[in-house]
């Protein structure tokens, strides 16, 4: 998986003051294998919500136009309440969240 320089800079600016350091991006691989919620937002965007290592994170991925690659577009902290709200954003492919 790749991330563009543009997206890294955009993320650094938008995550300023949130205690979300660049090193956190190394942990994105922990969130991908076991999503608690997987939502297909559009034809190319997929949103994962995972509680890997006991914390909630949301990596947003985008398939390349060729369909042969995946880009990391966004990565942020989250919580279970936010995860439940994400169900409404698209087609739910995986959902192992407890019902509210």
PDB file of N, CA and C in Angstrom:
ATOM      1  N   UNK A   1       0.841  -1.157   0.000  1.00  0.00           N
ATOM      2  CA  UNK A   1       0.000   0.000   0.000  1.00  0.00           C
ATOM      3  C   UNK A   1       0.898   1.235   0.000  1.00  0.00           C
ATOM      4  N   UNK A   2       0.479   2.237  -0.758  1.00  0.00           N
ATOM      5  CA  UNK A   2       1.255   3.467  -0.855  1.00  0.00           C
ATOM      6  C   UNK A   2       0.446   4.637  -0.312  1.00  0.00           C
ATOM      7  N   UNK A   3       1.161   5.698   0.024  1.00  0.00           N
ATOM      8  CA  UNK A   3       0.526   6.954   0.423  1.00  0.00           C
ATOM      9  C   UNK A   3       1.287   8.067  -0.277  1.00  0.00           C
ATOM     10  N   UNK A   4       0.560   9.013  -0.843  1.00  0.00           N
ATOM     11  CA  UNK A   4       1.208  10.093  -1.581  1.00  0.00           C
ATOM     12  C   UNK A   4       1.764  11.146  -0.635  1.00  0.00           C
ATOM     13  N   UNK A   5       2.751  11.892  -1.108  1.00  0.00           N
ATOM     14  CA  UNK A   5       3.298  12.999  -0.318  1.00  0.00           C
ATOM     15  C   UNK A   5       2.188  13.997   0.010  1.00  0.00           C
ATOM     16  N   UNK A   6       1.328  14.263  -0.973  1.00  0.00           N
ATOM     17  CA  UNK A   6       0.227  15.201  -0.770  1.00  0.00           C
ATOM     18  C   UNK A   6      -0.659  14.748   0.392  1.00  0.00           C
ATOM     19  N   UNK A   7      -1.047  13.468   0.391  1.00  0.00           N
ATOM     20  CA  UNK A   7      -1.919  12.962   1.452  1.00  0.00           C
ATOM     21  C   UNK A   7      -1.219  12.965   2.802  1.00  0.00           C
ATOM     22  N   UNK A   8       0.074  12.685   2.843  1.00  0.00           N
ATOM     23  CA  UNK A   8       0.813  12.745   4.112  1.00  0.00           C
ATOM     24  C   UNK A   8       0.816  14.156   4.680  1.00  0.00           C
ATOM     25  N   UNK A   9       1.066  15.141   3.822  1.00  0.00           N
ATOM     26  CA  UNK A   9       1.073  16.540   4.282  1.00  0.00           C
ATOM     27  C   UNK A   9      -0.316  16.949   4.745  1.00  0.00           C
ATOM     28  N   UNK A  10      -1.330  16.590   3.950  1.00  0.00           N
ATOM     29  CA  UNK A  10      -2.714  16.917   4.307  1.00  0.00           C
ATOM     30  C   UNK A  10      -3.084  16.301   5.659  1.00  0.00           C
ATOM     31  N   UNK A  11      -2.678  15.063   5.871  1.00  0.00           N
ATOM     32  CA  UNK A  11      -2.962  14.393   7.136  1.00  0.00           C
ATOM     33  C   UNK A  11      -2.231  15.055   8.300  1.00  0.00           C
ATOM     34  N   UNK A  12      -0.985  15.442   8.086  1.00  0.00           N
ATOM     35  CA  UNK A  12      -0.212  16.086   9.143  1.00  0.00           C
ATOM     36  C   UNK A  12      -0.883  17.390   9.572  1.00  0.00           C
ATOM     37  N   UNK A  13      -1.374  18.143   8.611  1.00  0.00           N
ATOM     38  CA  UNK A  13      -2.044  19.409   8.921  1.00  0.00           C
ATOM     39  C   UNK A  13      -3.381  19.156   9.623  1.00  0.00           C
ATOM     40  N   UNK A  14      -4.187  18.239   9.105  1.00  0.00           N
ATOM     41  CA  UNK A  14      -5.512  18.005   9.681  1.00  0.00           C
ATOM     42  C   UNK A  14      -5.458  17.304  11.037  1.00  0.00           C
ATOM     43  N   UNK A  15      -4.381  16.602  11.336  1.00  0.00           N
ATOM     44  CA  UNK A  15      -4.251  15.903  12.624  1.00  0.00           C
ATOM     45  C   UNK A  15      -3.454  16.719  13.646  1.00  0.00           C
ATOM     46  N   UNK A  16      -3.056  17.932  13.295  1.00  0.00           N
ATOM     47  CA  UNK A  16      -2.289  18.782  14.217  1.00  0.00           C
ATOM     48  C   UNK A  16      -3.077  18.993  15.514  1.00  0.00           C
ATOM     49  N   UNK A  17      -2.406  18.853  16.632  1.00  0.00           N
ATOM     50  CA  UNK A  17      -3.032  19.054  17.925  1.00  0.00           C
ATOM     51  C   UNK A  17      -3.850  17.882  18.429  1.00  0.00           C
ATOM     52  N   UNK A  18      -3.891  16.787  17.681  1.00  0.00           N
ATOM     53  CA  UNK A  18      -4.678  15.621  18.089  1.00  0.00           C
ATOM     54  C   UNK A  18      -3.819  14.524  18.722  1.00  0.00           C
ATOM     55  N   UNK A  19      -2.519  14.785  18.873  1.00  0.00           N
ATOM     56  CA  UNK A  19      -1.640  13.766  19.429  1.00  0.00           C
ATOM     57  C   UNK A  19      -1.493  12.558  18.530  1.00  0.00           C
ATOM     58  N   UNK A  20      -1.609  12.786  17.238  1.00  0.00           N
ATOM     59  CA  UNK A  20      -1.526  11.703  16.252  1.00  0.00           C
ATOM     60  C   UNK A  20      -0.270  11.938  15.426  1.00  0.00           C
ATOM     61  N   UNK A  21       0.838  11.355  15.867  1.00  0.00           N
ATOM     62  CA  UNK A  21       2.143  11.577  15.244  1.00  0.00           C
ATOM     63  C   UNK A  21       2.311  10.729  13.983  1.00  0.00           C
ATOM     64  N   UNK A  22       3.251  11.130  13.157  1.00  0.00           N
ATOM     65  CA  UNK A  22       3.531  10.402  11.920  1.00  0.00           C
ATOM     66  C   UNK A  22       3.838   8.931  12.153  1.00  0.00           C
ATOM     67  N   UNK A  23       4.436   8.609  13.291  1.00  0.00           N
ATOM     68  CA  UNK A  23       4.767   7.218  13.604  1.00  0.00           C
ATOM     69  C   UNK A  23       3.510   6.344  13.707  1.00  0.00           C
ATOM     70  N   UNK A  24       2.358   6.957  13.983  1.00  0.00           N
ATOM     71  CA  UNK A  24       1.098   6.210  14.074  1.00  0.00           C
ATOM     72  C   UNK A  24       0.778   5.511  12.757  1.00  0.00           C
ATOM     73  N   UNK A  25       1.249   6.076  11.647  1.00  0.00           N
ATOM     74  CA  UNK A  25       0.948   5.488  10.346  1.00  0.00           C
ATOM     75  C   UNK A  25       1.600   4.118  10.177  1.00  0.00           C
ATOM     76  N   UNK A  26       2.622   3.842  10.951  1.00  0.00           N
ATOM     77  CA  UNK A  26       3.242   2.520  10.900  1.00  0.00           C
ATOM     78  C   UNK A  26       2.289   1.445  11.416  1.00  0.00           C
ATOM     79  N   UNK A  27       1.307   1.839  12.210  1.00  0.00           N
ATOM     80  CA  UNK A  27       0.376   0.901  12.809  1.00  0.00           C
ATOM     81  C   UNK A  27      -0.844   0.617  11.932  1.00  0.00           C
ATOM     82  N   UNK A  28      -0.930   1.280  10.791  1.00  0.00           N
ATOM     83  CA  UNK A  28      -2.093   1.078   9.929  1.00  0.00           C
ATOM     84  C   UNK A  28      -2.227  -0.391   9.526  1.00  0.00           C
ATOM     85  N   UNK A  29      -1.123  -1.076   9.387  1.00  0.00           N
ATOM     86  CA  UNK A  29      -1.168  -2.488   9.008  1.00  0.00           C
ATOM     87  C   UNK A  29      -1.880  -3.341  10.060  1.00  0.00           C
ATOM     88  N   UNK A  30      -1.889  -2.907  11.315  1.00  0.00           N
ATOM     89  CA  UNK A  30      -2.590  -3.652  12.367  1.00  0.00           C
ATOM     90  C   UNK A  30      -4.102  -3.578  12.195  1.00  0.00           C
ATOM     91  N   UNK A  31      -4.590  -2.489  11.636  1.00  0.00           N
ATOM     92  CA  UNK A  31      -6.032  -2.292  11.503  1.00  0.00           C
ATOM     93  C   UNK A  31      -6.616  -3.041  10.314  1.00  0.00           C
ATOM     94  N   UNK A  32      -5.812  -3.315   9.319  1.00  0.00           N
ATOM     95  CA  UNK A  32      -6.345  -3.869   8.071  1.00  0.00           C
ATOM     96  C   UNK A  32      -6.782  -5.337   8.116  1.00  0.00           C
ATOM     97  N   UNK A  33      -6.046  -6.235   8.775  1.00  0.00           N
ATOM     98  CA  UNK A  33      -6.430  -7.652   8.699  1.00  0.00           C
ATOM     99  C   UNK A  33      -7.718  -8.018   9.435  1.00  0.00           C
ATOM    100  N   UNK A  34      -8.122  -7.217  10.426  1.00  0.00           N
ATOM    101  CA  UNK A  34      -9.288  -7.610  11.221  1.00  0.00           C
ATOM    102  C   UNK A  34     -10.232  -6.438  11.445  1.00  0.00           C
ATOM    103  N   UNK A  35     -10.844  -5.944  10.376  1.00  0.00           N
ATOM    104  CA  UNK A  35     -11.760  -4.818  10.562  1.00  0.00           C
ATOM    105  C   UNK A  35     -13.006  -5.233  11.331  1.00  0.00           C
ATOM    106  N   UNK A  36     -13.461  -4.375  12.203  1.00  0.00           N
ATOM    107  CA  UNK A  36     -14.730  -4.599  12.886  1.00  0.00           C
ATOM    108  C   UNK A  36     -15.879  -4.144  12.003  1.00  0.00           C
ATOM    109  N   UNK A  37     -15.584  -3.167  11.114  1.00  0.00           N
ATOM    110  CA  UNK A  37     -16.584  -2.658  10.193  1.00  0.00           C
ATOM    111  C   UNK A  37     -15.887  -2.289   8.891  1.00  0.00           C
ATOM    112  N   UNK A  38     -16.428  -2.744   7.785  1.00  0.00           N
ATOM    113  CA  UNK A  38     -15.882  -2.428   6.467  1.00  0.00           C
ATOM    114  C   UNK A  38     -17.024  -1.871   5.633  1.00  0.00           C
ATOM    115  N   UNK A  39     -16.863  -0.617   5.219  1.00  0.00           N
ATOM    116  CA  UNK A  39     -17.913   0.067   4.465  1.00  0.00           C
ATOM    117  C   UNK A  39     -17.344   0.538   3.135  1.00  0.00           C
ATOM    118  N   UNK A  40     -18.025   0.208   2.076  1.00  0.00           N
ATOM    119  CA  UNK A  40     -17.651   0.678   0.738  1.00  0.00           C
ATOM    120  C   UNK A  40     -18.400   1.977   0.508  1.00  0.00           C
ATOM    121  N   UNK A  41     -17.665   3.108   0.554  1.00  0.00           N
ATOM    122  CA  UNK A  41     -18.310   4.413   0.452  1.00  0.00           C
ATOM    123  C   UNK A  41     -18.695   4.758  -0.973  1.00  0.00           C
ATOM    124  N   UNK A  42     -17.808   4.540  -1.898  1.00  0.00           N
ATOM    125  CA  UNK A  42     -18.063   4.801  -3.308  1.00  0.00           C
ATOM    126  C   UNK A  42     -17.420   3.669  -4.082  1.00  0.00           C
ATOM    127  N   UNK A  43     -17.388   3.778  -5.393  1.00  0.00           N
ATOM    128  CA  UNK A  43     -16.777   2.736  -6.200  1.00  0.00           C
ATOM    129  C   UNK A  43     -15.326   2.493  -5.885  1.00  0.00           C
ATOM    130  N   UNK A  44     -14.623   3.489  -5.369  1.00  0.00           N
ATOM    131  CA  UNK A  44     -13.197   3.313  -5.136  1.00  0.00           C
ATOM    132  C   UNK A  44     -12.754   3.499  -3.691  1.00  0.00           C
ATOM    133  N   UNK A  45     -13.596   3.999  -2.840  1.00  0.00           N
ATOM    134  CA  UNK A  45     -13.179   4.252  -1.466  1.00  0.00           C
ATOM    135  C   UNK A  45     -13.713   3.169  -0.540  1.00  0.00           C
ATOM    136  N   UNK A  46     -12.872   2.686   0.325  1.00  0.00           N
ATOM    137  CA  UNK A  46     -13.285   1.709   1.323  1.00  0.00           C
ATOM    138  C   UNK A  46     -12.869   2.217   2.684  1.00  0.00           C
ATOM    139  N   UNK A  47     -13.738   2.175   3.648  1.00  0.00           N
ATOM    140  CA  UNK A  47     -13.465   2.677   4.988  1.00  0.00           C
ATOM    141  C   UNK A  47     -13.428   1.505   5.951  1.00  0.00           C
ATOM    142  N   UNK A  48     -12.344   1.366   6.680  1.00  0.00           N
ATOM    143  CA  UNK A  48     -12.230   0.334   7.700  1.00  0.00           C
ATOM    144  C   UNK A  48     -12.318   1.001   9.061  1.00  0.00           C
ATOM    145  N   UNK A  49     -13.023   0.391   9.973  1.00  0.00           N
ATOM    146  CA  UNK A  49     -13.000   0.839  11.355  1.00  0.00           C
ATOM    147  C   UNK A  49     -12.556  -0.365  12.161  1.00  0.00           C
ATOM    148  N   UNK A  50     -11.460  -0.234  12.885  1.00  0.00           N
ATOM    149  CA  UNK A  50     -10.898  -1.382  13.581  1.00  0.00           C
ATOM    150  C   UNK A  50     -10.508  -0.999  14.993  1.00  0.00           C
ATOM    151  N   UNK A  51     -10.559  -1.950  15.910  1.00  0.00           N
ATOM    152  CA  UNK A  51     -10.090  -1.704  17.257  1.00  0.00           C
ATOM    153  C   UNK A  51      -8.821  -2.516  17.509  1.00  0.00           C
ATOM    154  N   UNK A  52      -7.915  -2.524  16.549  1.00  0.00           N
ATOM    155  CA  UNK A  52      -6.645  -3.232  16.687  1.00  0.00           C
ATOM    156  C   UNK A  52      -5.916  -2.705  17.911  1.00  0.00           C
ATOM    157  N   UNK A  53      -5.355  -3.590  18.684  1.00  0.00           N
ATOM    158  CA  UNK A  53      -4.591  -3.248  19.893  1.00  0.00           C
ATOM    159  C   UNK A  53      -5.440  -2.481  20.906  1.00  0.00           C
ATOM    160  N   UNK A  54      -6.766  -2.678  20.870  1.00  0.00           N
ATOM    161  CA  UNK A  54      -7.629  -2.064  21.872  1.00  0.00           C
ATOM    162  C   UNK A  54      -7.996  -0.618  21.608  1.00  0.00           C
ATOM    163  N   UNK A  55      -7.558  -0.045  20.514  1.00  0.00           N
ATOM    164  CA  UNK A  55      -7.918   1.322  20.170  1.00  0.00           C
ATOM    165  C   UNK A  55      -8.584   1.344  18.807  1.00  0.00           C
ATOM    166  N   UNK A  56      -9.395   2.342  18.592  1.00  0.00           N
ATOM    167  CA  UNK A  56     -10.130   2.459  17.335  1.00  0.00           C
ATOM    168  C   UNK A  56      -9.391   3.371  16.373  1.00  0.00           C
ATOM    169  N   UNK A  57      -9.234   2.919  15.147  1.00  0.00           N
ATOM    170  CA  UNK A  57      -8.595   3.688  14.078  1.00  0.00           C
ATOM    171  C   UNK A  57      -9.403   3.523  12.797  1.00  0.00           C
ATOM    172  N   UNK A  58      -9.317   4.515  11.926  1.00  0.00           N
ATOM    173  CA  UNK A  58     -10.027   4.468  10.653  1.00  0.00           C
ATOM    174  C   UNK A  58      -9.047   4.741   9.517  1.00  0.00           C
ATOM    175  N   UNK A  59      -8.582   3.699   8.839  1.00  0.00           N
ATOM    176  CA  UNK A  59      -7.832   3.924   7.603  1.00  0.00           C
ATOM    177  C   UNK A  59      -8.814   3.978   6.422  1.00  0.00           C
ATOM    178  N   UNK A  60      -8.626   4.944   5.565  1.00  0.00           N
ATOM    179  CA  UNK A  60      -9.450   5.064   4.371  1.00  0.00           C
ATOM    180  C   UNK A  60      -8.561   4.754   3.172  1.00  0.00           C
ATOM    181  N   UNK A  61      -8.972   3.796   2.378  1.00  0.00           N
ATOM    182  CA  UNK A  61      -8.189   3.335   1.243  1.00  0.00           C
ATOM    183  C   UNK A  61      -8.875   3.697  -0.062  1.00  0.00           C
ATOM    184  N   UNK A  62      -8.082   3.867  -1.106  1.00  0.00           N
ATOM    185  CA  UNK A  62      -8.629   4.127  -2.433  1.00  0.00           C
ATOM    186  C   UNK A  62      -7.920   3.238  -3.437  1.00  0.00           C
ATOM    187  N   UNK A  63      -8.705   2.549  -4.220  1.00  0.00           N
ATOM    188  CA  UNK A  63      -8.146   1.724  -5.288  1.00  0.00           C
ATOM    189  C   UNK A  63      -7.675   2.641  -6.408  1.00  0.00           C
ATOM    190  N   UNK A  64      -6.535   2.326  -7.011  1.00  0.00           N
ATOM    191  CA  UNK A  64      -6.039   3.124  -8.124  1.00  0.00           C
ATOM    192  C   UNK A  64      -6.955   2.944  -9.330  1.00  0.00           C
ATOM    193  N   UNK A  65      -6.870   3.874 -10.272  1.00  0.00           N
ATOM    194  CA  UNK A  65      -7.712   3.827 -11.466  1.00  0.00           C
ATOM    195  C   UNK A  65      -7.499   2.532 -12.250  1.00  0.00           C
ATOM    196  N   UNK A  66      -6.270   2.018 -12.225  1.00  0.00           N
ATOM    197  CA  UNK A  66      -5.979   0.770 -12.947  1.00  0.00           C
ATOM    198  C   UNK A  66      -6.529  -0.454 -12.216  1.00  0.00           C
ATOM    199  N   UNK A  67      -6.856  -0.277 -10.929  1.00  0.00           N
ATOM    200  CA  UNK A  67      -7.343  -1.397 -10.140  1.00  0.00           C
ATOM    201  C   UNK A  67      -6.239  -2.314  -9.650  1.00  0.00           C
ATOM    202  N   UNK A  68      -4.995  -1.940  -9.887  1.00  0.00           N
ATOM    203  CA  UNK A  68      -3.861  -2.797  -9.525  1.00  0.00           C
ATOM    204  C   UNK A  68      -3.150  -2.362  -8.250  1.00  0.00           C
ATOM    205  N   UNK A  69      -3.615  -1.296  -7.635  1.00  0.00           N
ATOM    206  CA  UNK A  69      -2.956  -0.808  -6.433  1.00  0.00           C
ATOM    207  C   UNK A  69      -3.947  -0.192  -5.468  1.00  0.00           C
ATOM    208  N   UNK A  70      -3.459   0.083  -4.272  1.00  0.00           N
ATOM    209  CA  UNK A  70      -4.282   0.690  -3.227  1.00  0.00           C
ATOM    210  C   UNK A  70      -3.477   1.812  -2.598  1.00  0.00           C
ATOM    211  N   UNK A  71      -4.139   2.940  -2.374  1.00  0.00           N
ATOM    212  CA  UNK A  71      -3.519   4.094  -1.730  1.00  0.00           C
ATOM    213  C   UNK A  71      -4.173   4.332  -0.380  1.00  0.00           C
ATOM    214  N   UNK A  72      -3.363   4.708   0.599  1.00  0.00           N
ATOM    215  CA  UNK A  72      -3.888   5.138   1.886  1.00  0.00           C
ATOM    216  C   UNK A  72      -4.217   6.615   1.760  1.00  0.00           C
ATOM    217  N   UNK A  73      -5.483   6.977   1.891  1.00  0.00           N
ATOM    218  CA  UNK A  73      -5.915   8.362   1.733  1.00  0.00           C
ATOM    219  C   UNK A  73      -6.017   9.098   3.053  1.00  0.00           C
ATOM    220  N   UNK A  74      -6.357   8.379   4.114  1.00  0.00           N
ATOM    221  CA  UNK A  74      -6.555   9.018   5.409  1.00  0.00           C
ATOM    222  C   UNK A  74      -6.386   7.964   6.500  1.00  0.00           C
ATOM    223  N   UNK A  75      -6.013   8.437   7.680  1.00  0.00           N
ATOM    224  CA  UNK A  75      -5.877   7.554   8.835  1.00  0.00           C
ATOM    225  C   UNK A  75      -6.099   8.403  10.070  1.00  0.00           C
ATOM    226  N   UNK A  76      -7.013   7.980  10.931  1.00  0.00           N
ATOM    227  CA  UNK A  76      -7.335   8.783  12.105  1.00  0.00           C
ATOM    228  C   UNK A  76      -7.774   7.895  13.248  1.00  0.00           C
ATOM    229  N   UNK A  77      -7.789   8.471  14.426  1.00  0.00           N
ATOM    230  CA  UNK A  77      -8.339   7.786  15.587  1.00  0.00           C
ATOM    231  C   UNK A  77      -9.853   7.843  15.523  1.00  0.00           C
ATOM    232  N   UNK A  78     -10.472   6.929  16.241  1.00  0.00           N
ATOM    233  CA  UNK A  78     -11.930   6.881  16.248  1.00  0.00           C
ATOM    234  C   UNK A  78     -12.400   6.313  17.573  1.00  0.00           C
ATOM    235  N   UNK A  79     -13.682   5.954  17.619  1.00  0.00           N
ATOM    236  CA  UNK A  79     -14.257   5.311  18.795  1.00  0.00           C
ATOM    237  C   UNK A  79     -15.458   4.478  18.342  1.00  0.00           C
ATOM    238  N   UNK A  80     -15.999   3.704  19.236  1.00  0.00           N
ATOM    239  CA  UNK A  80     -17.093   2.809  18.857  1.00  0.00           C
ATOM    240  C   UNK A  80     -18.337   3.572  18.417  1.00  0.00           C
ATOM    241  N   UNK A  81     -18.622   4.696  19.056  1.00  0.00           N
ATOM    242  CA  UNK A  81     -19.785   5.504  18.665  1.00  0.00           C
ATOM    243  C   UNK A  81     -19.649   5.957  17.209  1.00  0.00           C
ATOM    244  N   UNK A  82     -18.470   6.432  16.837  1.00  0.00           N
ATOM    245  CA  UNK A  82     -18.211   6.850  15.456  1.00  0.00           C
ATOM    246  C   UNK A  82     -18.354   5.662  14.506  1.00  0.00           C
ATOM    247  N   UNK A  83     -17.886   4.507  14.930  1.00  0.00           N
ATOM    248  CA  UNK A  83     -17.981   3.309  14.089  1.00  0.00           C
ATOM    249  C   UNK A  83     -19.439   3.008  13.747  1.00  0.00           C
ATOM    250  N   UNK A  84     -20.327   3.113  14.732  1.00  0.00           N
ATOM    251  CA  UNK A  84     -21.741   2.864  14.481  1.00  0.00           C
ATOM    252  C   UNK A  84     -22.311   3.874  13.478  1.00  0.00           C
ATOM    253  N   UNK A  85     -21.860   5.104  13.533  1.00  0.00           N
ATOM    254  CA  UNK A  85     -22.325   6.130  12.596  1.00  0.00           C
ATOM    255  C   UNK A  85     -21.845   5.847  11.170  1.00  0.00           C
ATOM    256  N   UNK A  86     -20.693   5.189  11.033  1.00  0.00           N
ATOM    257  CA  UNK A  86     -20.122   4.914   9.713  1.00  0.00           C
ATOM    258  C   UNK A  86     -20.964   3.929   8.910  1.00  0.00           C
ATOM    259  N   UNK A  87     -21.784   3.142   9.578  1.00  0.00           N
ATOM    260  CA  UNK A  87     -22.646   2.175   8.880  1.00  0.00           C
ATOM    261  C   UNK A  87     -23.515   2.852   7.820  1.00  0.00           C
ATOM    262  N   UNK A  88     -23.857   4.098   8.039  1.00  0.00           N
ATOM    263  CA  UNK A  88     -24.778   4.817   7.151  1.00  0.00           C
ATOM    264  C   UNK A  88     -24.088   5.409   5.930  1.00  0.00           C
ATOM    265  N   UNK A  89     -22.759   5.286   5.838  1.00  0.00           N
ATOM    266  CA  UNK A  89     -22.018   5.971   4.785  1.00  0.00           C
ATOM    267  C   UNK A  89     -21.889   5.197   3.485  1.00  0.00           C
ATOM    268  N   UNK A  90     -22.335   3.967   3.454  1.00  0.00           N
ATOM    269  CA  UNK A  90     -22.218   3.198   2.218  1.00  0.00           C
ATOM    270  C   UNK A  90     -22.669   1.769   2.415  1.00  0.00           C
ATOM    271  N   UNK A  91     -22.193   0.907   1.528  1.00  0.00           N
ATOM    272  CA  UNK A  91     -22.537  -0.513   1.588  1.00  0.00           C
ATOM    273  C   UNK A  91     -21.682  -1.198   2.648  1.00  0.00           C
ATOM    274  N   UNK A  92     -22.308  -1.810   3.619  1.00  0.00           N
ATOM    275  CA  UNK A  92     -21.598  -2.501   4.694  1.00  0.00           C
ATOM    276  C   UNK A  92     -21.207  -3.891   4.199  1.00  0.00           C
ATOM    277  N   UNK A  93     -19.903  -4.176   4.191  1.00  0.00           N
ATOM    278  CA  UNK A  93     -19.392  -5.466   3.733  1.00  0.00           C
ATOM    279  C   UNK A  93     -19.058  -6.396   4.888  1.00  0.00           C
ATOM    280  N   UNK A  94     -18.562  -5.838   5.993  1.00  0.00           N
ATOM    281  CA  UNK A  94     -18.264  -6.597   7.214  1.00  0.00           C
ATOM    282  C   UNK A  94     -18.786  -5.777   8.380  1.00  0.00           C
ATOM    283  N   UNK A  95     -19.472  -6.431   9.302  1.00  0.00           N
ATOM    284  CA  UNK A  95     -19.964  -5.719  10.480  1.00  0.00           C
ATOM    285  C   UNK A  95     -19.969  -6.682  11.655  1.00  0.00           C
ATOM    286  N   UNK A  96     -19.012  -6.547  12.556  1.00  0.00           N
ATOM    287  CA  UNK A  96     -18.943  -7.362  13.759  1.00  0.00           C
ATOM    288  C   UNK A  96     -19.127  -6.506  15.004  1.00  0.00           C
ATOM    289  N   UNK A  97     -19.672  -5.298  14.826  1.00  0.00           N
ATOM    290  CA  UNK A  97     -19.920  -4.411  15.971  1.00  0.00           C
ATOM    291  C   UNK A  97     -21.136  -4.895  16.744  1.00  0.00           C
ATOM    292  N   UNK A  98     -21.122  -4.698  18.061  1.00  0.00           N
ATOM    293  CA  UNK A  98     -22.323  -5.041  18.821  1.00  0.00           C
ATOM    294  C   UNK A  98     -23.456  -4.104  18.422  1.00  0.00           C
ATOM    295  N   UNK A  99     -24.657  -4.620  18.415  1.00  0.00           N
ATOM    296  CA  UNK A  99     -25.835  -3.806  18.082  1.00  0.00           C
ATOM    297  C   UNK A  99     -26.132  -2.839  19.213  1.00  0.00           C
ATOM    298  N   UNK A 100     -26.563  -1.657  18.850  1.00  0.00           N
ATOM    299  CA  UNK A 100     -26.923  -0.657  19.861  1.00  0.00           C
ATOM    300  C   UNK A 100     -28.393  -0.731  20.163  1.00  0.00           C
TER     301      UNK A 100
END
